[in-house]
C-alpha atoms as a PDB file:
ATOM      1  CA  MET A   1      -0.012   0.028   0.005  1.00  0.00           C
ATOM      2  CA  THR A   2       1.373   3.439  -1.023  1.00  0.00           C
ATOM      3  CA  GLU A   3       1.102   6.369   1.332  1.00  0.00           C
ATOM      4  CA  LYS A   4      -0.134   9.599  -0.081  1.00  0.00           C
ATOM      5  CA  PHE A   5       1.108  12.907   1.349  1.00  0.00           C
ATOM      6  CA  THR A   6      -0.199  16.421   0.754  1.00  0.00           C
ATOM      7  CA  ARG A   7       1.469  19.765   1.420  1.00  0.00           C
ATOM      8  CA  TRP A   8       0.603  21.429   4.756  1.00  0.00           C
ATOM      9  CA  ASP A   9      -1.161  24.747   4.312  1.00  0.00           C
ATOM     10  CA  SER A  10      -1.708  26.484   7.508  1.00  0.00           C
ATOM     11  CA  THR A  11      -4.105  28.953   5.880  1.00  0.00           C
ATOM     12  CA  GLU A  12      -6.726  26.129   5.789  1.00  0.00           C
ATOM     13  CA  PHE A  13      -6.978  26.365   9.549  1.00  0.00           C
ATOM     14  CA  LEU A  14      -7.099  30.177   9.858  1.00  0.00           C
ATOM     15  CA  LYS A  15     -10.856  30.632   9.804  1.00  0.00           C
ATOM     16  CA  THR A  16     -11.349  33.578  12.199  1.00  0.00           C
ATOM     17  CA  GLU A  17      -9.414  36.679  13.336  1.00  0.00           C
ATOM     18  CA  GLU A  18      -8.931  34.911  16.707  1.00  0.00           C
ATOM     19  CA  ASP A  19      -7.252  31.936  14.857  1.00  0.00           C
ATOM     20  CA  ILE A  20      -5.034  34.454  12.947  1.00  0.00           C
ATOM     21  CA  GLY A  21      -4.053  36.118  16.233  1.00  0.00           C
ATOM     22  CA  TYR A  22      -3.038  32.791  17.818  1.00  0.00           C
ATOM     23  CA  TYR A  23      -1.189  31.805  14.685  1.00  0.00           C
ATOM     24  CA  LEU A  24       0.814  35.083  14.602  1.00  0.00           C
ATOM     25  CA  GLU A  25       1.549  34.755  18.308  1.00  0.00           C
ATOM     26  CA  ALA A  26       2.881  31.199  17.851  1.00  0.00           C
ATOM     27  CA  CYS A  27       4.987  32.273  14.807  1.00  0.00           C
ATOM     28  CA  MET A  28       6.522  35.184  16.810  1.00  0.00           C
ATOM     29  CA  ASP A  29       7.466  32.698  19.566  1.00  0.00           C
ATOM     30  CA  GLU A  30       8.945  30.241  17.032  1.00  0.00           C
ATOM     31  CA  ALA A  31      10.686  32.761  14.688  1.00  0.00           C
ATOM     32  CA  GLY A  32      13.367  33.986  17.001  1.00  0.00           C
ATOM     33  CA  ASP A  33      15.629  36.256  14.930  1.00  0.00           C
ATOM     34  CA  ASP A  34      14.347  34.938  11.534  1.00  0.00           C
ATOM     35  CA  PRO A  35      12.622  37.781   9.733  1.00  0.00           C
ATOM     36  CA  ALA A  36      11.869  35.500   6.701  1.00  0.00           C
ATOM     37  CA  PHE A  37       9.870  33.287   8.978  1.00  0.00           C
ATOM     38  CA  ILE A  38       7.701  36.251  10.011  1.00  0.00           C
ATOM     39  CA  ALA A  39       7.364  37.409   6.395  1.00  0.00           C
ATOM     40  CA  LYS A  40       6.125  34.043   5.364  1.00  0.00           C
ATOM     41  CA  ALA A  41       3.642  33.921   8.264  1.00  0.00           C
ATOM     42  CA  LEU A  42       2.320  37.373   7.256  1.00  0.00           C
ATOM     43  CA  GLY A  43       1.836  36.128   3.696  1.00  0.00           C
ATOM     44  CA  LYS A  44      -0.166  33.189   5.058  1.00  0.00           C
ATOM     45  CA  VAL A  45      -2.322  35.649   7.052  1.00  0.00           C
ATOM     46  CA  ALA A  46      -2.967  37.744   3.985  1.00  0.00           C
ATOM     47  CA  LYS A  47      -4.036  34.684   2.017  1.00  0.00           C
ATOM     48  CA  ALA A  48      -6.328  33.529   4.862  1.00  0.00           C
ATOM     49  CA  ARG A  49      -7.945  36.931   5.149  1.00  0.00           C
ATOM     50  CA  GLU A  50      -8.511  37.104   1.416  1.00  0.00           C
ATOM     51  CA  THR A  51     -10.158  33.719   1.515  1.00  0.00           C
ATOM     52  CA  LEU A  52     -12.375  34.791   4.447  1.00  0.00           C
ATOM     53  CA  ARG A  53     -13.386  37.918   2.604  1.00  0.00           C
ATOM     54  CA  ILE A  54     -14.246  35.959  -0.583  1.00  0.00           C
ATOM     55  CA  LEU A  55     -16.291  33.505   1.459  1.00  0.00           C
ATOM     56  CA  GLY A  56     -18.158  36.341   3.113  1.00  0.00           C
ATOM     57  CA  ASN A  57     -16.903  35.635   6.657  1.00  0.00           C
ATOM     58  CA  GLN A  58     -15.333  39.028   6.972  1.00  0.00           C
ATOM     59  CA  PRO A  59     -16.103  42.496   5.597  1.00  0.00           C
ATOM     60  CA  SER A  60     -13.887  43.788   2.796  1.00  0.00           C
ATOM     61  CA  GLN A  61     -10.792  45.753   3.846  1.00  0.00           C
ATOM     62  CA  SER A  62     -10.557  47.820   0.617  1.00  0.00           C
ATOM     63  CA  ARG A  63     -10.352  51.533   0.863  1.00  0.00           C
ATOM     64  CA  THR A  64     -13.379  52.044  -1.464  1.00  0.00           C
ATOM     65  CA  ASP A  65     -15.591  50.262   1.073  1.00  0.00           C
ATOM     66  CA  LYS A  66     -14.551  52.678   3.851  1.00  0.00           C
ATOM     67  CA  VAL A  67     -15.069  55.872   1.954  1.00  0.00           C
ATOM     68  CA  ARG A  68     -18.652  56.945   1.663  1.00  0.00           C
END
């Protein structure tokens, strides 16, 4: 029997702003002096927030929505 593996994508588990906050806190603890680690984590957060916006779980963050 052959095992199948898939790539881990942490954005699949970031479903709320609270999840994102915990994720960033854990990343800050783990990163130490590695700015690339934090940059990658911020990229994951941006992807997760865009997914949440598209799915309607979060209001849009665009400037045009804020100006009335």
